[in-house]
PDB file of all heavy atoms in Angstrom:
ATOM      1  N   THR A   1      -6.435   4.681  -4.511  1.00  0.00           N
ATOM      2  CA  THR A   1      -6.347   3.896  -5.736  1.00  0.00           C
ATOM      3  C   THR A   1      -4.977   4.137  -6.339  1.00  0.00           C
ATOM      4  O   THR A   1      -4.226   5.005  -5.897  1.00  0.00           O
ATOM      5  CB  THR A   1      -7.415   4.325  -6.757  1.00  0.00           C
ATOM      6  OG1 THR A   1      -7.116   5.643  -7.212  1.00  0.00           O
ATOM      7  CG2 THR A   1      -8.810   4.297  -6.152  1.00  0.00           C
ATOM      8  N   ALA A   2      -4.670   3.369  -7.363  1.00  0.00           N
ATOM      9  CA  ALA A   2      -3.382   3.535  -8.039  1.00  0.00           C
ATOM     10  C   ALA A   2      -3.274   4.916  -8.664  1.00  0.00           C
ATOM     11  O   ALA A   2      -2.175   5.384  -8.954  1.00  0.00           O
ATOM     12  CB  ALA A   2      -3.218   2.463  -9.109  1.00  0.00           C
ATOM     13  N   TYR A   3      -4.386   5.583  -8.844  1.00  0.00           N
ATOM     14  CA  TYR A   3      -4.386   6.879  -9.515  1.00  0.00           C
ATOM     15  C   TYR A   3      -4.423   8.057  -8.543  1.00  0.00           C
ATOM     16  O   TYR A   3      -4.489   9.197  -8.949  1.00  0.00           O
ATOM     17  CB  TYR A   3      -5.572   6.967 -10.481  1.00  0.00           C
ATOM     18  CG  TYR A   3      -5.544   5.847 -11.487  1.00  0.00           C
ATOM     19  CD1 TYR A   3      -6.400   4.773 -11.370  1.00  0.00           C
ATOM     20  CD2 TYR A   3      -4.627   5.857 -12.535  1.00  0.00           C
ATOM     21  CE1 TYR A   3      -6.369   3.728 -12.290  1.00  0.00           C
ATOM     22  CE2 TYR A   3      -4.578   4.817 -13.452  1.00  0.00           C
ATOM     23  CZ  TYR A   3      -5.449   3.764 -13.319  1.00  0.00           C
ATOM     24  OH  TYR A   3      -5.402   2.734 -14.221  1.00  0.00           O
ATOM     25  N   THR A   4      -4.393   7.769  -7.253  1.00  0.00           N
ATOM     26  CA  THR A   4      -4.439   8.826  -6.259  1.00  0.00           C
ATOM     27  C   THR A   4      -3.128   9.605  -6.274  1.00  0.00           C
ATOM     28  O   THR A   4      -2.056   9.039  -6.327  1.00  0.00           O
ATOM     29  CB  THR A   4      -4.678   8.238  -4.852  1.00  0.00           C
ATOM     30  OG1 THR A   4      -5.889   7.495  -4.878  1.00  0.00           O
ATOM     31  CG2 THR A   4      -4.777   9.336  -3.810  1.00  0.00           C
ATOM     32  N   ASP A   5      -3.232  10.899  -6.236  1.00  0.00           N
ATOM     33  CA  ASP A   5      -2.064  11.768  -6.191  1.00  0.00           C
ATOM     34  C   ASP A   5      -1.290  11.541  -4.902  1.00  0.00           C
ATOM     35  O   ASP A   5      -1.863  11.404  -3.824  1.00  0.00           O
ATOM     36  CB  ASP A   5      -2.539  13.226  -6.279  1.00  0.00           C
ATOM     37  CG  ASP A   5      -1.418  14.213  -6.100  1.00  0.00           C
ATOM     38  OD1 ASP A   5      -0.616  14.375  -7.035  1.00  0.00           O
ATOM     39  OD2 ASP A   5      -1.346  14.811  -5.019  1.00  0.00           O
ATOM     40  N   LEU A   6       0.044  11.504  -5.013  1.00  0.00           N
ATOM     41  CA  LEU A   6       0.913  11.281  -3.855  1.00  0.00           C
ATOM     42  C   LEU A   6       0.583  12.237  -2.718  1.00  0.00           C
ATOM     43  O   LEU A   6       0.397  11.813  -1.577  1.00  0.00           O
ATOM     44  CB  LEU A   6       2.380  11.444  -4.278  1.00  0.00           C
ATOM     45  CG  LEU A   6       3.405  11.474  -3.152  1.00  0.00           C
ATOM     46  CD1 LEU A   6       3.549  10.095  -2.537  1.00  0.00           C
ATOM     47  CD2 LEU A   6       4.739  11.977  -3.658  1.00  0.00           C
ATOM     48  N   TRP A   7       0.525  13.531  -3.018  1.00  0.00           N
ATOM     49  CA  TRP A   7       0.351  14.508  -1.944  1.00  0.00           C
ATOM     50  C   TRP A   7      -1.061  14.501  -1.385  1.00  0.00           C
ATOM     51  O   TRP A   7      -1.267  14.814  -0.212  1.00  0.00           O
ATOM     52  CB  TRP A   7       0.790  15.896  -2.408  1.00  0.00           C
ATOM     53  CG  TRP A   7       2.272  15.906  -2.569  1.00  0.00           C
ATOM     54  CD1 TRP A   7       2.986  15.849  -3.738  1.00  0.00           C
ATOM     55  CD2 TRP A   7       3.233  15.904  -1.514  1.00  0.00           C
ATOM     56  NE1 TRP A   7       4.328  15.822  -3.463  1.00  0.00           N
ATOM     57  CE2 TRP A   7       4.516  15.862  -2.118  1.00  0.00           C
ATOM     58  CE3 TRP A   7       3.154  15.931  -0.124  1.00  0.00           C
ATOM     59  CZ2 TRP A   7       5.696  15.852  -1.372  1.00  0.00           C
ATOM     60  CZ3 TRP A   7       4.315  15.921   0.620  1.00  0.00           C
ATOM     61  CH2 TRP A   7       5.573  15.887  -0.008  1.00  0.00           C
ATOM     62  N   THR A   8      -2.044  14.103  -2.182  1.00  0.00           N
ATOM     63  CA  THR A   8      -3.399  13.932  -1.652  1.00  0.00           C
ATOM     64  C   THR A   8      -3.399  12.798  -0.635  1.00  0.00           C
ATOM     65  O   THR A   8      -3.982  12.907   0.449  1.00  0.00           O
ATOM     66  CB  THR A   8      -4.395  13.639  -2.789  1.00  0.00           C
ATOM     67  OG1 THR A   8      -4.390  14.738  -3.698  1.00  0.00           O
ATOM     68  CG2 THR A   8      -5.792  13.399  -2.256  1.00  0.00           C
ATOM     69  N   SER A   9      -2.701  11.707  -0.976  1.00  0.00           N
ATOM     70  CA  SER A   9      -2.603  10.580  -0.040  1.00  0.00           C
ATOM     71  C   SER A   9      -1.872  10.986   1.232  1.00  0.00           C
ATOM     72  O   SER A   9      -2.279  10.600   2.334  1.00  0.00           O
ATOM     73  CB  SER A   9      -1.877   9.407  -0.699  1.00  0.00           C
ATOM     74  OG  SER A   9      -2.638   8.895  -1.764  1.00  0.00           O
ATOM     75  N   VAL A  10      -0.786  11.747   1.097  1.00  0.00           N
ATOM     76  CA  VAL A  10      -0.046  12.210   2.272  1.00  0.00           C
ATOM     77  C   VAL A  10      -0.953  13.066   3.154  1.00  0.00           C
ATOM     78  O   VAL A  10      -0.988  12.891   4.379  1.00  0.00           O
ATOM     79  CB  VAL A  10       1.233  12.972   1.863  1.00  0.00           C
ATOM     80  CG1 VAL A  10       1.853  13.692   3.053  1.00  0.00           C
ATOM     81  CG2 VAL A  10       2.245  12.022   1.222  1.00  0.00           C
ATOM     82  N   ASP A  11      -1.698  13.989   2.543  1.00  0.00           N
ATOM     83  CA  ASP A  11      -2.628  14.818   3.317  1.00  0.00           C
ATOM     84  C   ASP A  11      -3.697  13.966   3.998  1.00  0.00           C
ATOM     85  O   ASP A  11      -4.033  14.189   5.168  1.00  0.00           O
ATOM     86  CB  ASP A  11      -3.287  15.865   2.418  1.00  0.00           C
ATOM     87  CG  ASP A  11      -2.371  17.010   2.063  1.00  0.00           C
ATOM     88  OD1 ASP A  11      -1.377  17.249   2.791  1.00  0.00           O
ATOM     89  OD2 ASP A  11      -2.637  17.684   1.045  1.00  0.00           O
ATOM     90  N   ASP A  12      -4.229  12.981   3.269  1.00  0.00           N
ATOM     91  CA  ASP A  12      -5.255  12.107   3.846  1.00  0.00           C
ATOM     92  C   ASP A  12      -4.707  11.309   5.026  1.00  0.00           C
ATOM     93  O   ASP A  12      -5.363  11.184   6.064  1.00  0.00           O
ATOM     94  CB  ASP A  12      -5.794  11.131   2.791  1.00  0.00           C
ATOM     95  CG  ASP A  12      -6.664  11.809   1.742  1.00  0.00           C
ATOM     96  OD1 ASP A  12      -7.069  12.971   1.938  1.00  0.00           O
ATOM     97  OD2 ASP A  12      -6.931  11.148   0.714  1.00  0.00           O
ATOM     98  N   LEU A  13      -3.510  10.762   4.867  1.00  0.00           N
ATOM     99  CA  LEU A  13      -2.895   9.995   5.960  1.00  0.00           C
ATOM    100  C   LEU A  13      -2.609  10.891   7.163  1.00  0.00           C
ATOM    101  O   LEU A  13      -2.825  10.489   8.313  1.00  0.00           O
ATOM    102  CB  LEU A  13      -1.624   9.302   5.479  1.00  0.00           C
ATOM    103  CG  LEU A  13      -1.849   8.127   4.530  1.00  0.00           C
ATOM    104  CD1 LEU A  13      -0.545   7.721   3.860  1.00  0.00           C
ATOM    105  CD2 LEU A  13      -2.477   6.956   5.278  1.00  0.00           C
ATOM    106  N   HIS A  14      -2.142  12.108   6.896  1.00  0.00           N
ATOM    107  CA  HIS A  14      -1.880  13.065   7.979  1.00  0.00           C
ATOM    108  C   HIS A  14      -3.163  13.354   8.752  1.00  0.00           C
ATOM    109  O   HIS A  14      -3.177  13.321   9.993  1.00  0.00           O
ATOM    110  CB  HIS A  14      -1.295  14.352   7.382  1.00  0.00           C
ATOM    111  CG  HIS A  14      -1.216  15.466   8.349  1.00  0.00           C
ATOM    112  ND1 HIS A  14      -2.160  16.477   8.391  1.00  0.00           N
ATOM    113  CD2 HIS A  14      -0.328  15.737   9.328  1.00  0.00           C
ATOM    114  CE1 HIS A  14      -1.840  17.317   9.347  1.00  0.00           C
ATOM    115  NE2 HIS A  14      -0.744  16.895   9.930  1.00  0.00           N
ATOM    116  N   THR A  15      -4.228  13.606   8.035  1.00  0.00           N
ATOM    117  CA  THR A  15      -5.519  13.892   8.674  1.00  0.00           C
ATOM    118  C   THR A  15      -5.998  12.683   9.474  1.00  0.00           C
ATOM    119  O   THR A  15      -6.454  12.819  10.620  1.00  0.00           O
ATOM    120  CB  THR A  15      -6.567  14.287   7.617  1.00  0.00           C
ATOM    121  OG1 THR A  15      -6.108  15.455   6.943  1.00  0.00           O
ATOM    122  CG2 THR A  15      -7.921  14.548   8.245  1.00  0.00           C
ATOM    123  N   TRP A  16      -5.902  11.500   8.881  1.00  0.00           N
ATOM    124  CA  TRP A  16      -6.327  10.276   9.553  1.00  0.00           C
ATOM    125  C   TRP A  16      -5.519  10.051  10.828  1.00  0.00           C
ATOM    126  O   TRP A  16      -6.081   9.732  11.878  1.00  0.00           O
ATOM    127  CB  TRP A  16      -6.184   9.093   8.589  1.00  0.00           C
ATOM    128  CG  TRP A  16      -6.498   7.768   9.207  1.00  0.00           C
ATOM    129  CD1 TRP A  16      -7.735   7.311   9.580  1.00  0.00           C
ATOM    130  CD2 TRP A  16      -5.568   6.747   9.530  1.00  0.00           C
ATOM    131  NE1 TRP A  16      -7.609   6.046  10.122  1.00  0.00           N
ATOM    132  CE2 TRP A  16      -6.282   5.673  10.096  1.00  0.00           C
ATOM    133  CE3 TRP A  16      -4.190   6.618   9.384  1.00  0.00           C
ATOM    134  CZ2 TRP A  16      -5.678   4.505  10.520  1.00  0.00           C
ATOM    135  CZ3 TRP A  16      -3.587   5.445   9.802  1.00  0.00           C
ATOM    136  CH2 TRP A  16      -4.331   4.414  10.363  1.00  0.00           C
ATOM    137  N   LEU A  17      -4.207  10.238  10.749  1.00  0.00           N
ATOM    138  CA  LEU A  17      -3.363  10.062  11.937  1.00  0.00           C
ATOM    139  C   LEU A  17      -3.679  11.104  13.005  1.00  0.00           C
ATOM    140  O   LEU A  17      -3.722  10.782  14.197  1.00  0.00           O
ATOM    141  CB  LEU A  17      -1.886  10.123  11.564  1.00  0.00           C
ATOM    142  CG  LEU A  17      -1.349   8.892  10.853  1.00  0.00           C
ATOM    143  CD1 LEU A  17       0.032   9.167  10.282  1.00  0.00           C
ATOM    144  CD2 LEU A  17      -1.326   7.694  11.788  1.00  0.00           C
ATOM    145  N   ASP A  18      -3.891  12.357  12.588  1.00  0.00           N
ATOM    146  CA  ASP A  18      -4.225  13.397  13.563  1.00  0.00           C
ATOM    147  C   ASP A  18      -5.550  13.095  14.264  1.00  0.00           C
ATOM    148  O   ASP A  18      -5.705  13.362  15.451  1.00  0.00           O
ATOM    149  CB  ASP A  18      -4.299  14.769  12.885  1.00  0.00           C
ATOM    150  CG  ASP A  18      -2.953  15.463  12.837  1.00  0.00           C
ATOM    151  OD1 ASP A  18      -1.956  14.893  13.339  1.00  0.00           O
ATOM    152  OD2 ASP A  18      -2.890  16.573  12.290  1.00  0.00           O
ATOM    153  N   THR A  19      -6.489  12.540  13.529  1.00  0.00           N
ATOM    154  CA  THR A  19      -7.791  12.199  14.098  1.00  0.00           C
ATOM    155  C   THR A  19      -7.668  11.067  15.113  1.00  0.00           C
ATOM    156  O   THR A  19      -8.433  11.002  16.071  1.00  0.00           O
ATOM    157  CB  THR A  19      -8.768  11.788  12.974  1.00  0.00           C
ATOM    158  OG1 THR A  19      -8.883  12.865  12.053  1.00  0.00           O
ATOM    159  CG2 THR A  19     -10.141  11.440  13.515  1.00  0.00           C
ATOM    160  N   ASN A  20      -6.701  10.189  14.913  1.00  0.00           N
ATOM    161  CA  ASN A  20      -6.590   8.982  15.726  1.00  0.00           C
ATOM    162  C   ASN A  20      -5.364   8.940  16.632  1.00  0.00           C
ATOM    163  O   ASN A  20      -5.045   7.889  17.177  1.00  0.00           O
ATOM    164  CB  ASN A  20      -6.578   7.759  14.801  1.00  0.00           C
ATOM    165  CG  ASN A  20      -7.892   7.593  14.103  1.00  0.00           C
ATOM    166  OD1 ASN A  20      -8.871   7.181  14.697  1.00  0.00           O
ATOM    167  ND2 ASN A  20      -7.932   7.952  12.835  1.00  0.00           N
ATOM    168  N   ARG A  21      -4.686  10.042  16.803  1.00  0.00           N
ATOM    169  CA  ARG A  21      -3.461  10.001  17.611  1.00  0.00           C
ATOM    170  C   ARG A  21      -3.796   9.960  19.104  1.00  0.00           C
ATOM    171  O   ARG A  21      -4.652  10.701  19.586  1.00  0.00           O
ATOM    172  CB  ARG A  21      -2.546  11.179  17.292  1.00  0.00           C
ATOM    173  CG  ARG A  21      -3.086  12.506  17.718  1.00  0.00           C
ATOM    174  CD  ARG A  21      -2.095  13.606  17.448  1.00  0.00           C
ATOM    175  NE  ARG A  21      -2.809  14.868  17.536  1.00  0.00           N
ATOM    176  CZ  ARG A  21      -2.497  15.924  16.867  1.00  0.00           C
ATOM    177  NH1 ARG A  21      -1.476  15.915  16.055  1.00  0.00           N
ATOM    178  NH2 ARG A  21      -3.195  17.027  16.996  1.00  0.00           N
ATOM    179  N   PRO A  22      -3.082   9.092  19.817  1.00  0.00           N
ATOM    180  CA  PRO A  22      -3.338   8.991  21.250  1.00  0.00           C
ATOM    181  C   PRO A  22      -2.623  10.075  22.056  1.00  0.00           C
ATOM    182  O   PRO A  22      -3.002  10.335  23.191  1.00  0.00           O
ATOM    183  CB  PRO A  22      -2.791   7.603  21.614  1.00  0.00           C
ATOM    184  CG  PRO A  22      -1.777   7.319  20.570  1.00  0.00           C
ATOM    185  CD  PRO A  22      -2.204   8.051  19.327  1.00  0.00           C
ATOM    186  N   VAL A  23      -1.600  10.720  21.463  1.00  0.00           N
ATOM    187  CA  VAL A  23      -0.812  11.725  22.177  1.00  0.00           C
ATOM    188  C   VAL A  23      -0.779  13.000  21.338  1.00  0.00           C
ATOM    189  O   VAL A  23      -0.452  12.963  20.149  1.00  0.00           O
ATOM    190  CB  VAL A  23       0.628  11.222  22.435  1.00  0.00           C
ATOM    191  CG1 VAL A  23       1.444  12.278  23.159  1.00  0.00           C
ATOM    192  CG2 VAL A  23       0.617   9.915  23.210  1.00  0.00           C
ATOM    193  N   ASP A  24      -1.108  14.139  21.955  1.00  0.00           N
ATOM    194  CA  ASP A  24      -1.126  15.419  21.254  1.00  0.00           C
ATOM    195  C   ASP A  24       0.120  16.233  21.558  1.00  0.00           C
ATOM    196  O   ASP A  24       0.969  15.843  22.356  1.00  0.00           O
ATOM    197  CB  ASP A  24      -2.356  16.241  21.693  1.00  0.00           C
ATOM    198  CG  ASP A  24      -3.648  15.685  21.141  1.00  0.00           C
ATOM    199  OD1 ASP A  24      -3.625  15.117  20.040  1.00  0.00           O
ATOM    200  OD2 ASP A  24      -4.681  15.833  21.825  1.00  0.00           O
ATOM    201  N   GLY A  25       0.182  17.391  20.931  1.00  0.00           N
ATOM    202  CA  GLY A  25       1.215  18.372  21.242  1.00  0.00           C
ATOM    203  C   GLY A  25       2.600  17.964  20.789  1.00  0.00           C
ATOM    204  O   GLY A  25       2.783  17.169  19.878  1.00  0.00           O
ATOM    205  N   GLY A  26       3.588  18.536  21.473  1.00  0.00           N
ATOM    206  CA  GLY A  26       4.985  18.309  21.128  1.00  0.00           C
ATOM    207  C   GLY A  26       5.393  16.857  21.231  1.00  0.00           C
ATOM    208  O   GLY A  26       6.167  16.349  20.412  1.00  0.00           O
ATOM    209  N   GLU A  27       4.865  16.171  22.227  1.00  0.00           N
ATOM    210  CA  GLU A  27       5.196  14.756  22.385  1.00  0.00           C
ATOM    211  C   GLU A  27       4.655  13.940  21.206  1.00  0.00           C
ATOM    212  O   GLU A  27       5.333  13.050  20.680  1.00  0.00           O
ATOM    213  CB  GLU A  27       4.639  14.222  23.700  1.00  0.00           C
ATOM    214  CG  GLU A  27       5.082  12.810  23.996  1.00  0.00           C
ATOM    215  CD  GLU A  27       4.564  12.309  25.341  1.00  0.00           C
ATOM    216  OE1 GLU A  27       3.914  13.068  26.092  1.00  0.00           O
ATOM    217  OE2 GLU A  27       4.819  11.127  25.629  1.00  0.00           O
ATOM    218  N   GLY A  28       3.457  14.252  20.765  1.00  0.00           N
ATOM    219  CA  GLY A  28       2.872  13.565  19.608  1.00  0.00           C
ATOM    220  C   GLY A  28       3.686  13.807  18.344  1.00  0.00           C
ATOM    221  O   GLY A  28       3.886  12.888  17.538  1.00  0.00           O
ATOM    222  N   LEU A  29       4.156  15.039  18.190  1.00  0.00           N
ATOM    223  CA  LEU A  29       5.001  15.369  17.042  1.00  0.00           C
ATOM    224  C   LEU A  29       6.294  14.554  17.069  1.00  0.00           C
ATOM    225  O   LEU A  29       6.693  13.961  16.068  1.00  0.00           O
ATOM    226  CB  LEU A  29       5.325  16.866  17.039  1.00  0.00           C
ATOM    227  CG  LEU A  29       6.339  17.339  16.011  1.00  0.00           C
ATOM    228  CD1 LEU A  29       5.826  17.136  14.600  1.00  0.00           C
ATOM    229  CD2 LEU A  29       6.676  18.799  16.261  1.00  0.00           C
ATOM    230  N   LEU A  30       6.945  14.509  18.235  1.00  0.00           N
ATOM    231  CA  LEU A  30       8.180  13.735  18.352  1.00  0.00           C
ATOM    232  C   LEU A  30       7.948  12.251  18.078  1.00  0.00           C
ATOM    233  O   LEU A  30       8.753  11.604  17.405  1.00  0.00           O
ATOM    234  CB  LEU A  30       8.785  13.915  19.747  1.00  0.00           C
ATOM    235  CG  LEU A  30       9.329  15.306  20.054  1.00  0.00           C
ATOM    236  CD1 LEU A  30       9.776  15.382  21.507  1.00  0.00           C
ATOM    237  CD2 LEU A  30      10.463  15.674  19.121  1.00  0.00           C
ATOM    238  N   LEU A  31       6.844  11.717  18.569  1.00  0.00           N
ATOM    239  CA  LEU A  31       6.545  10.306  18.338  1.00  0.00           C
ATOM    240  C   LEU A  31       6.311  10.020  16.857  1.00  0.00           C
ATOM    241  O   LEU A  31       6.735   8.979  16.346  1.00  0.00           O
ATOM    242  CB  LEU A  31       5.337   9.873  19.170  1.00  0.00           C
ATOM    243  CG  LEU A  31       5.600   9.799  20.671  1.00  0.00           C
ATOM    244  CD1 LEU A  31       4.294   9.603  21.434  1.00  0.00           C
ATOM    245  CD2 LEU A  31       6.584   8.694  20.986  1.00  0.00           C
TER     246      LEU A  31
END
């Protein structure tokens, strides 16, 4: 929402991306 804290959103997006990433490890980090 418009009232969501920036860093909460960043953490949520990070978690969502980690859950759905097709490539793990160092290669995933670089991508």
